[in-house]
């Protein structure tokens, strides 16, 4: 018997672009580029992220672009601490990679790597007005996510927990609320440590998950990438199916009447 499959196609659409995978994968921190390429393939992702600061503007010095030809690149403004720097970096990314998609990061605290919300909103508004498809990395605050969507963000990317921490979804109630209310796709970004974290994020209603360290620093990055692929797919199917209510008491799945010998 064939395994059951989802009844209808369930693609993710961002800024009019249809994506078959709901897993976005970063390209930094792998033991070597060969493992990175194999991990990207195992993940099944359509989108790969890259810091524009790792890209040579004269198109030399990095062969990641050629190695991952056919993938959609999502450059990011990692390392920027002001809206001005993020805007300049996004413009450089558009020039270097010939894409108007940008993941906007504006960091307000170097220890926690928390986003600076005021600067992030300013950068988002400016870049949207300049024709960019903006995906901002933000806190897990429903109000902030709504403000970014109102500013024209094509998706919002609230943190699951601290970048690189592997702590998973630290505040599931907030994430569920953001997903339920958001008018744009919600991509959980940062803090994912293992496959179950990714599944939980999807079960809360997320549209996608973006991760890097959980795969790049795993003992076997390629195997972890494959696990993440299945976790995201399984979590999405679980969300679509709808979980049973939580109860504080036992409830038998079999009838209690008509038992043999009763």
Protein backbone atom coordinates (compact mmCIF):
# COMPACT_ATOMS: atom_id res chain seq x y z
CA UNK A 1 0.00 0.00 0.00
CA UNK A 2 1.31 3.44 -0.91
CA UNK A 3 1.95 5.90 1.90
CA UNK A 4 -0.74 8.61 2.19
CA UNK A 5 0.11 12.07 0.94
CA UNK A 6 -1.35 15.53 1.46
CA UNK A 7 -4.62 15.88 -0.40
CA UNK A 8 -3.72 19.15 -2.13
CA UNK A 9 -0.59 21.01 -3.10
CA UNK A 10 0.56 23.19 -0.23
CA UNK A 11 3.05 25.69 -1.62
CA UNK A 12 4.39 28.76 0.16
CA UNK A 13 3.94 32.02 -1.74
CA UNK A 14 6.02 35.10 -0.89
CA UNK A 15 5.77 38.25 -3.01
CA UNK A 16 4.08 36.24 -5.75
CA UNK A 17 6.84 33.60 -5.86
CA UNK A 18 5.73 30.00 -5.30
CA UNK A 19 8.10 27.92 -3.18
CA UNK A 20 7.83 24.16 -2.86
CA UNK A 21 9.90 23.93 0.32
CA UNK A 22 9.08 25.58 3.63
CA UNK A 23 12.66 25.22 4.86
CA UNK A 24 15.17 28.04 4.30
CA UNK A 25 18.80 27.12 4.90
CA UNK A 26 21.85 29.22 5.68
CA UNK A 27 25.23 28.68 4.02
CA UNK A 28 27.65 29.71 6.79
CA UNK A 29 29.72 27.70 9.23
CA UNK A 30 29.93 24.31 7.51
CA UNK A 31 33.09 22.20 7.81
CA UNK A 32 33.67 22.74 4.09
CA UNK A 33 31.78 23.77 0.97
CA UNK A 34 31.28 20.21 -0.23
CA UNK A 35 29.33 19.37 2.93
CA UNK A 36 27.39 22.62 2.59
CA UNK A 37 26.33 21.74 -0.96
CA UNK A 38 25.31 18.23 0.08
CA UNK A 39 23.35 19.59 3.06
CA UNK A 40 21.48 22.06 0.86
CA UNK A 41 20.58 19.22 -1.50
CA UNK A 42 19.44 16.99 1.38
CA UNK A 43 17.29 19.79 2.81
CA UNK A 44 15.26 20.14 -0.37
CA UNK A 45 15.16 23.90 0.19
CA UNK A 46 14.39 26.44 -2.53
CA UNK A 47 15.92 29.40 -0.67
CA UNK A 48 19.43 29.69 0.73
CA UNK A 49 20.61 32.64 2.78
CA UNK A 50 23.97 34.36 2.71
CA UNK A 51 25.49 37.37 4.42
CA UNK A 52 26.28 40.00 1.80
CA UNK A 53 29.52 40.62 3.69
CA UNK A 54 30.68 37.17 2.52
CA UNK A 55 30.09 38.01 -1.15
CA UNK A 56 32.81 39.62 -3.25
CA UNK A 57 31.30 42.61 -5.02
CA UNK A 58 33.51 41.98 -8.05
CA UNK A 59 32.04 38.43 -8.12
CA UNK A 60 35.34 36.82 -7.15
CA UNK A 61 36.47 35.20 -3.91
CA UNK A 62 33.48 32.95 -3.29
CA UNK A 63 32.15 30.11 -5.42
CA UNK A 64 29.05 29.56 -3.27
CA UNK A 65 26.92 31.25 -5.91
CA UNK A 66 28.06 28.89 -8.64
CA UNK A 67 27.93 25.82 -6.39
CA UNK A 68 24.31 26.52 -5.52
CA UNK A 69 23.20 27.65 -8.94
CA UNK A 70 19.47 27.18 -9.35
CA UNK A 71 18.64 28.11 -5.76
CA UNK A 72 17.03 31.44 -4.89
CA UNK A 73 19.48 33.47 -2.84
CA UNK A 74 18.23 35.52 0.09
CA UNK A 75 21.07 37.86 1.06
CA UNK A 76 20.98 39.26 4.57
CA UNK A 77 22.29 42.35 6.31
CA UNK A 78 23.97 40.45 9.16
CA UNK A 79 26.26 42.64 11.24
CA UNK A 80 24.37 45.89 10.62
CA UNK A 81 23.48 47.97 13.67
CA UNK A 82 21.69 50.92 12.08
CA UNK A 83 18.99 51.37 9.45
CA UNK A 84 21.46 53.32 7.34
CA UNK A 85 23.95 50.44 7.29
CA UNK A 86 21.23 47.90 6.52
CA UNK A 87 19.91 49.99 3.64
CA UNK A 88 23.40 50.40 2.15
CA UNK A 89 24.09 46.68 2.54
CA UNK A 90 20.79 45.78 0.86
CA UNK A 91 21.65 48.05 -2.07
CA UNK A 92 25.04 46.34 -2.38
CA UNK A 93 23.33 42.95 -2.29
CA UNK A 94 20.99 43.93 -5.10
CA UNK A 95 23.99 45.06 -7.14
CA UNK A 96 26.10 41.96 -6.43
CA UNK A 97 23.44 39.25 -6.63
CA UNK A 98 20.91 40.82 -8.99
CA UNK A 99 18.03 40.25 -6.59
CA UNK A 100 15.64 42.59 -4.82
CA UNK A 101 14.97 40.05 -2.05
CA UNK A 102 16.62 40.91 1.26
CA UNK A 103 16.53 39.56 4.78
CA UNK A 104 16.93 42.64 6.94
CA UNK A 105 18.79 42.31 10.24
CA UNK A 106 19.50 45.35 12.41
CA UNK A 107 21.10 44.25 15.66
CA UNK A 108 20.59 46.36 18.77
CA UNK A 109 22.57 44.35 21.31
CA UNK A 110 25.82 42.53 20.57
CA UNK A 111 25.51 40.06 23.43
CA UNK A 112 21.99 38.79 22.73
CA UNK A 113 21.89 39.78 19.05
CA UNK A 114 18.38 41.12 19.65
CA UNK A 115 16.99 43.25 16.82
CA UNK A 116 16.73 47.03 17.18
CA UNK A 117 13.02 47.43 16.47
CA UNK A 118 13.05 51.17 15.72
CA UNK A 119 15.95 50.90 13.27
CA UNK A 120 14.44 47.75 11.74
CA UNK A 121 11.14 49.48 11.03
CA UNK A 122 12.93 52.44 9.47
CA UNK A 123 15.02 50.18 7.23
CA UNK A 124 11.97 48.12 6.23
CA UNK A 125 9.94 51.18 5.23
CA UNK A 126 12.80 52.63 3.20
CA UNK A 127 13.63 49.40 1.39
CA UNK A 128 9.99 48.61 0.59
CA UNK A 129 9.67 52.08 -0.93
CA UNK A 130 12.81 51.34 -2.95
CA UNK A 131 11.31 48.21 -4.48
CA UNK A 132 12.83 45.51 -2.28
CA UNK A 133 11.08 42.35 -1.14
CA UNK A 134 11.81 42.69 2.55
CA UNK A 135 11.89 39.83 5.06
CA UNK A 136 12.83 41.36 8.43
CA UNK A 137 14.32 39.39 11.33
CA UNK A 138 12.49 40.56 14.44
CA UNK A 139 11.53 39.78 18.02
CA UNK A 140 8.68 37.41 18.84
CA UNK A 141 6.38 40.36 19.54
CA UNK A 142 2.96 40.32 17.82
CA UNK A 143 2.81 44.13 17.73
CA UNK A 144 6.25 44.42 16.11
CA UNK A 145 5.34 41.80 13.53
CA UNK A 146 2.13 43.67 12.70
CA UNK A 147 3.99 46.97 12.35
CA UNK A 148 6.47 45.37 9.95
CA UNK A 149 3.67 43.86 7.88
CA UNK A 150 1.94 47.24 7.80
CA UNK A 151 5.23 48.76 6.59
CA UNK A 152 5.15 46.44 3.59
CA UNK A 153 7.27 43.46 4.65
CA UNK A 154 6.62 40.48 2.37
CA UNK A 155 7.00 38.14 5.36
CA UNK A 156 7.99 38.51 9.00
CA UNK A 157 10.75 36.46 10.63
CA UNK A 158 10.32 36.37 14.41
CA UNK A 159 13.04 34.71 16.45
CA UNK A 160 12.36 31.34 18.01
CA UNK A 161 15.08 32.09 20.57
CA UNK A 162 18.56 33.60 20.61
CA UNK A 163 20.57 33.23 17.39
CA UNK A 164 22.67 30.08 17.45
CA UNK A 165 21.40 29.05 20.89
CA UNK A 166 19.64 25.85 19.87
CA UNK A 167 16.97 26.51 22.51
CA UNK A 168 14.08 25.99 20.11
CA UNK A 169 10.86 28.01 20.35
CA UNK A 170 11.19 29.81 23.67
CA UNK A 171 7.78 31.48 23.61
CA UNK A 172 5.30 29.24 21.76
CA UNK A 173 2.27 31.27 22.89
CA UNK A 174 3.61 34.39 21.19
CA UNK A 175 4.59 32.52 18.04
CA UNK A 176 1.15 30.92 17.80
CA UNK A 177 -0.48 34.35 18.22
CA UNK A 178 1.76 35.92 15.58
CA UNK A 179 1.00 33.12 13.11
CA UNK A 180 -2.73 33.31 13.74
CA UNK A 181 -2.93 37.07 13.28
CA UNK A 182 -0.35 37.73 10.57
CA UNK A 183 -1.45 38.96 7.16
CA UNK A 184 1.88 37.83 5.65
CA UNK A 185 3.84 34.57 5.90
CA UNK A 186 5.63 33.95 9.20
CA UNK A 187 9.10 32.41 9.00
CA UNK A 188 10.57 31.29 12.33
CA UNK A 189 14.19 32.39 12.36
CA UNK A 190 16.92 31.71 14.94
CA UNK A 191 17.23 29.29 17.84
CA UNK A 192 16.22 26.04 16.13
CA UNK A 193 18.46 23.28 17.47
CA UNK A 194 17.06 19.99 16.24
CA UNK A 195 14.30 18.48 14.13
CA UNK A 196 11.67 18.51 16.87
CA UNK A 197 12.15 22.29 17.27
CA UNK A 198 11.40 22.78 13.58
CA UNK A 199 8.32 20.54 13.79
CA UNK A 200 7.01 22.48 16.80
CA UNK A 201 7.46 25.79 14.97
CA UNK A 202 5.42 24.49 12.06
CA UNK A 203 2.75 22.99 14.32
CA UNK A 204 2.28 26.45 15.85
CA UNK A 205 1.25 27.67 12.39
CA UNK A 206 4.49 29.02 10.96
CA UNK A 207 4.69 29.28 7.19
CA UNK A 208 8.35 28.25 7.13
CA UNK A 209 11.49 27.82 9.20
CA UNK A 210 14.90 29.38 8.56
CA UNK A 211 17.93 27.78 10.17
CA UNK A 212 21.67 27.51 9.76
CA UNK A 213 23.67 26.56 12.85
CA UNK A 214 21.53 23.53 13.69
CA UNK A 215 22.61 21.94 10.42
CA UNK A 216 26.05 23.45 9.87
CA UNK A 217 27.33 22.54 13.35
CA UNK A 218 25.66 19.13 13.65
CA UNK A 219 27.89 16.07 13.86
CA UNK A 220 26.50 15.09 10.46
CA UNK A 221 25.19 18.22 8.69
CA UNK A 222 23.83 16.33 5.69
CA UNK A 223 21.85 13.91 7.85
CA UNK A 224 20.54 16.78 9.98
CA UNK A 225 19.48 18.67 6.86
CA UNK A 226 17.46 15.64 5.78
CA UNK A 227 15.92 15.44 9.27
CA UNK A 228 14.97 19.11 9.16
CA UNK A 229 13.31 18.62 5.80
CA UNK A 230 11.11 15.87 7.18
CA UNK A 231 10.41 17.76 10.39
CA UNK A 232 9.17 20.83 8.54
CA UNK A 233 7.03 18.71 6.23
CA UNK A 234 5.63 16.68 9.13
CA UNK A 235 4.97 19.74 11.27
CA UNK A 236 3.10 21.42 8.44
CA UNK A 237 0.94 18.34 7.84
CA UNK A 238 0.23 18.11 11.56
CA UNK A 239 -0.88 21.75 11.67
CA UNK A 240 -3.12 21.24 8.67
CA UNK A 241 -4.62 18.08 10.19
CA UNK A 242 -5.42 19.81 13.50
CA UNK A 243 -4.35 18.46 16.87
CA UNK A 244 -6.74 17.08 19.45
CA UNK A 245 -7.59 19.33 22.42
CA UNK A 246 -5.43 19.03 25.52
CA UNK A 247 -7.31 17.54 28.46
CA UNK A 248 -6.48 17.26 32.12
CA UNK A 249 -7.96 13.78 32.40
CA UNK A 250 -7.78 10.43 30.65
CA UNK A 251 -10.28 9.67 27.93
CA UNK A 252 -10.35 6.10 26.55
CA UNK A 253 -10.15 5.65 22.82
CA UNK A 254 -12.19 2.42 22.98
CA UNK A 255 -15.82 2.15 24.19
CA UNK A 256 -16.32 1.14 27.82
CA UNK A 257 -19.63 -0.65 27.27
CA UNK A 258 -20.20 -4.10 25.84
CA UNK A 259 -16.90 -5.49 27.05
CA UNK A 260 -16.42 -9.26 26.99
CA UNK A 261 -17.63 -10.77 30.29
CA UNK A 262 -19.55 -7.67 31.36
